[in-house]
Protein backbone atom coordinates (compact mmCIF):
# COMPACT_ATOMS: atom_id res chain seq x y z
CA UNK A 1 0.03 0.00 0.00
CA UNK A 2 1.42 3.27 -1.07
CA UNK A 3 1.75 5.89 1.74
CA UNK A 4 -1.04 8.41 1.29
CA UNK A 5 1.11 11.42 1.84
CA UNK A 6 3.54 10.32 -0.99
CA UNK A 7 0.54 9.71 -3.25
CA UNK A 8 -1.01 13.04 -2.46
CA UNK A 9 2.27 14.93 -3.18
CA UNK A 10 2.92 13.19 -6.41
CA UNK A 11 -0.70 13.58 -7.73
CA UNK A 12 -0.69 17.33 -6.84
CA UNK A 13 2.80 18.22 -7.76
CA UNK A 14 4.39 15.73 -10.16
CA UNK A 15 1.73 14.21 -12.42
CA UNK A 16 0.47 17.65 -13.51
CA UNK A 17 3.89 18.13 -15.27
CA UNK A 18 2.90 15.65 -17.85
CA UNK A 19 0.04 17.77 -18.97
CA UNK A 20 2.60 19.99 -20.78
CA UNK A 21 4.32 17.11 -22.77
CA UNK A 22 3.58 15.71 -26.15
CA UNK A 23 0.49 13.58 -26.78
CA UNK A 24 2.41 10.33 -26.28
CA UNK A 25 3.65 11.47 -22.83
CA UNK A 26 0.56 12.91 -21.16
CA UNK A 27 -0.58 12.17 -17.57
CA UNK A 28 -2.30 9.01 -18.67
CA UNK A 29 1.04 7.55 -19.82
CA UNK A 30 2.54 8.18 -16.36
CA UNK A 31 -0.46 6.63 -14.69
CA UNK A 32 -0.17 3.57 -16.95
CA UNK A 33 3.50 3.15 -16.13
CA UNK A 34 2.67 3.45 -12.39
CA UNK A 35 0.06 0.76 -12.70
CA UNK A 36 2.25 -1.57 -14.68
CA UNK A 37 5.23 -1.02 -12.34
CA UNK A 38 3.23 -1.88 -9.26
CA UNK A 39 1.93 -5.02 -10.86
CA UNK A 40 5.42 -6.15 -11.89
CA UNK A 41 6.67 -5.28 -8.45
CA UNK A 42 4.45 -7.94 -6.82
CA UNK A 43 6.86 -10.60 -8.23
CA UNK A 44 9.90 -9.08 -6.23
CA UNK A 45 10.75 -8.01 -2.68
CA UNK A 46 10.90 -4.34 -3.40
CA UNK A 47 9.74 -1.10 -1.74
CA UNK A 48 6.33 -0.26 -3.30
CA UNK A 49 6.69 3.47 -2.34
CA UNK A 50 9.94 3.56 -4.30
CA UNK A 51 8.46 1.78 -7.31
CA UNK A 52 5.52 4.16 -7.36
CA UNK A 53 7.69 7.28 -7.06
CA UNK A 54 10.14 6.08 -9.81
CA UNK A 55 7.31 5.54 -12.21
CA UNK A 56 5.71 8.86 -11.52
CA UNK A 57 8.94 10.73 -12.07
CA UNK A 58 10.41 8.62 -14.95
CA UNK A 59 9.58 11.05 -17.77
CA UNK A 60 9.51 14.35 -15.84
CA UNK A 61 12.80 15.23 -17.62
CA UNK A 62 10.89 15.77 -20.81
CA UNK A 63 10.70 19.36 -19.63
CA UNK A 64 14.21 19.79 -21.04
CA UNK A 65 13.78 17.71 -24.19
CA UNK A 66 13.67 14.15 -25.17
CA UNK A 67 17.35 13.32 -25.86
CA UNK A 68 18.48 13.54 -22.27
CA UNK A 69 15.17 13.29 -20.52
CA UNK A 70 16.12 10.11 -18.62
CA UNK A 71 19.13 11.86 -17.08
CA UNK A 72 17.05 15.04 -16.26
CA UNK A 73 14.44 12.83 -14.56
CA UNK A 74 17.18 11.40 -12.36
CA UNK A 75 18.40 14.91 -11.47
CA UNK A 76 14.85 15.97 -10.66
CA UNK A 77 14.53 13.11 -8.21
CA UNK A 78 17.89 13.99 -6.60
CA UNK A 79 16.98 17.62 -6.22
CA UNK A 80 13.33 17.12 -4.87
CA UNK A 81 13.86 17.95 -1.26
CA UNK A 82 10.30 16.79 -0.41
CA UNK A 83 11.29 13.26 -1.15
CA UNK A 84 13.66 13.38 1.84
CA UNK A 85 10.57 13.33 4.08
CA UNK A 86 10.04 9.70 3.22
CA UNK A 87 13.22 8.25 1.64
CA UNK A 88 16.82 7.97 2.75
CA UNK A 89 19.60 9.28 0.55
CA UNK A 90 20.43 5.76 -0.61
CA UNK A 91 16.89 5.16 -1.63
CA UNK A 92 16.76 8.48 -3.50
CA UNK A 93 19.96 7.61 -5.36
CA UNK A 94 18.51 4.20 -6.32
CA UNK A 95 15.34 5.89 -7.60
CA UNK A 96 17.30 8.48 -9.59
CA UNK A 97 19.36 5.76 -11.13
CA UNK A 98 16.28 3.78 -12.06
CA UNK A 99 14.84 6.80 -13.85
CA UNK A 100 18.17 7.23 -15.65
CA UNK A 101 18.17 3.64 -16.76
CA UNK A 102 14.65 3.32 -18.02
CA UNK A 103 15.23 4.58 -21.50
CA UNK A 104 14.98 1.83 -24.16
CA UNK A 105 17.88 3.23 -26.14
CA UNK A 106 20.22 3.46 -23.22
CA UNK A 107 22.22 0.45 -24.44
CA UNK A 108 22.98 -0.98 -21.07
CA UNK A 109 21.15 -3.09 -18.48
CA UNK A 110 19.44 -1.18 -15.66
CA UNK A 111 21.54 -1.11 -12.54
CA UNK A 112 18.84 -2.35 -10.09
CA UNK A 113 15.64 -4.26 -10.17
CA UNK A 114 13.91 -0.86 -9.71
CA UNK A 115 15.31 0.28 -12.98
CA UNK A 116 14.29 -3.03 -14.68
CA UNK A 117 10.74 -2.71 -13.39
CA UNK A 118 10.16 0.86 -14.64
CA UNK A 119 12.01 0.17 -17.93
CA UNK A 120 9.69 -2.82 -18.57
CA UNK A 121 6.61 -0.98 -17.39
CA UNK A 122 7.41 1.88 -19.82
CA UNK A 123 7.36 -0.66 -22.65
CA UNK A 124 3.64 -1.12 -23.13
CA UNK A 125 3.98 -3.11 -26.38
CA UNK A 126 0.39 -3.20 -27.60
CA UNK A 127 0.97 -3.05 -31.33
CA UNK A 128 -1.89 -0.61 -31.94
CA UNK A 129 -0.78 1.65 -29.12
CA UNK A 130 2.89 1.76 -30.28
CA UNK A 131 1.77 2.62 -33.74
CA UNK A 132 -0.56 5.34 -32.56
CA UNK A 133 1.99 6.89 -30.10
CA UNK A 134 4.72 6.87 -32.82
CA UNK A 135 2.38 8.79 -35.17
CA UNK A 136 1.42 11.18 -32.44
CA UNK A 137 5.03 11.84 -31.60
CA UNK A 138 5.85 12.46 -35.28
CA UNK A 139 3.06 14.89 -35.73
CA UNK A 140 3.93 16.78 -32.45
CA UNK A 141 7.65 17.04 -33.08
CA UNK A 142 7.85 17.14 -36.90
CA UNK A 143 4.77 19.02 -38.01
CA UNK A 144 6.57 20.22 -41.14
CA UNK A 145 6.60 16.63 -42.53
CA UNK A 146 3.74 15.70 -44.96
CA UNK A 147 2.05 12.38 -44.74
CA UNK A 148 4.65 10.64 -46.79
CA UNK A 149 7.42 12.04 -44.58
CA UNK A 150 5.54 11.03 -41.48
CA UNK A 151 5.43 7.45 -42.75
CA UNK A 152 9.12 7.39 -43.43
CA UNK A 153 9.90 8.58 -39.93
CA UNK A 154 7.33 6.17 -38.49
CA UNK A 155 8.76 3.18 -40.42
CA UNK A 156 12.44 4.15 -39.49
CA UNK A 157 11.49 4.38 -35.75
CA UNK A 158 9.68 1.00 -35.65
CA UNK A 159 12.62 -0.72 -37.46
CA UNK A 160 15.26 0.87 -35.26
CA UNK A 161 13.44 0.17 -31.94
CA UNK A 162 11.10 -2.79 -32.35
CA UNK A 163 12.27 -4.91 -35.26
CA UNK A 164 14.20 -8.29 -34.79
CA UNK A 165 17.45 -6.29 -34.86
CA UNK A 166 16.03 -3.30 -32.96
CA UNK A 167 17.57 -1.96 -29.72
CA UNK A 168 14.64 -2.63 -27.39
CA UNK A 169 15.40 -5.03 -24.67
CA UNK A 170 13.10 -6.67 -22.17
CA UNK A 171 14.09 -7.21 -18.55
CA UNK A 172 11.24 -8.74 -16.64
CA UNK A 173 10.26 -12.35 -17.51
CA UNK A 174 7.00 -11.99 -15.63
CA UNK A 175 5.81 -9.32 -18.19
CA UNK A 176 3.69 -10.26 -21.14
CA UNK A 177 5.62 -7.82 -23.40
CA UNK A 178 7.60 -10.48 -25.18
CA UNK A 179 4.40 -12.07 -26.66
CA UNK A 180 3.16 -8.60 -27.69
CA UNK A 181 6.52 -7.57 -29.20
CA UNK A 182 6.34 -10.68 -31.50
CA UNK A 183 2.87 -9.47 -32.63
CA UNK A 184 4.32 -6.11 -33.44
CA UNK A 185 7.30 -7.65 -35.28
CA UNK A 186 4.94 -9.58 -37.53
CA UNK A 187 3.54 -6.21 -38.67
CA UNK A 188 7.06 -4.73 -39.09
CA UNK A 189 8.29 -7.61 -41.17
CA UNK A 190 5.54 -7.12 -43.71
CA UNK A 191 5.83 -3.75 -45.47
CA UNK A 192 2.26 -3.91 -46.64
CA UNK A 193 0.88 -4.58 -43.15
CA UNK A 194 3.05 -1.74 -41.73
CA UNK A 195 1.77 0.66 -44.37
CA UNK A 196 -1.91 -0.39 -43.76
CA UNK A 197 -1.45 0.01 -39.92
CA UNK A 198 -0.01 3.49 -40.47
CA UNK A 199 -2.79 4.60 -42.77
CA UNK A 200 -5.54 3.57 -40.31
CA UNK A 201 -4.01 5.04 -37.33
CA UNK A 202 -2.97 8.20 -39.02
CA UNK A 203 -6.58 8.77 -40.10
CA UNK A 204 -7.80 8.06 -36.51
CA UNK A 205 -5.25 10.32 -34.95
CA UNK A 206 -6.15 13.20 -37.25
CA UNK A 207 -9.87 12.74 -36.83
CA UNK A 208 -9.49 12.89 -33.03
CA UNK A 209 -7.43 16.08 -33.08
């Protein structure tokens, strides 16, 4: 059970920060990562308050841009004096490192089970959601691209991250991400399927805007 004072602070002061980020990283994304992190944490002997806090802060560094957001998130955790009401310096450092290690493209294994949990929870590999979020990110960050340009960016991102040779790594065996990743890879392996998936999601994203 998460301590109520921690939950209240995060809900009032931390989660609202996500309201200012791109469509793929709004508050609902943070809440989903929190939910999945706590579910995965049940398989391990870990501090749930720490798991909850890491998940809530994991993308706060987007306030300074995407390229170094994981490092900035770690810095935000270290600099938040309020966290010292509930956590030791050692716990705070572990949480900061977990936030730093969560990024899929980091190229190294997270330094603790806490980093592995949030990294895995951040990888919600529902094919339709990955496709939609990739399109949303492209539209938000590269609005100058026409539809054809958006597709090229979309295709390149899926190949680089999620394909059989992509950089994405899974860390928690209790997660069902492996099965879902294979579903997504079936789409990526077939150019026609990938184009069709893009066309459908692109239309839906634009109709909802």
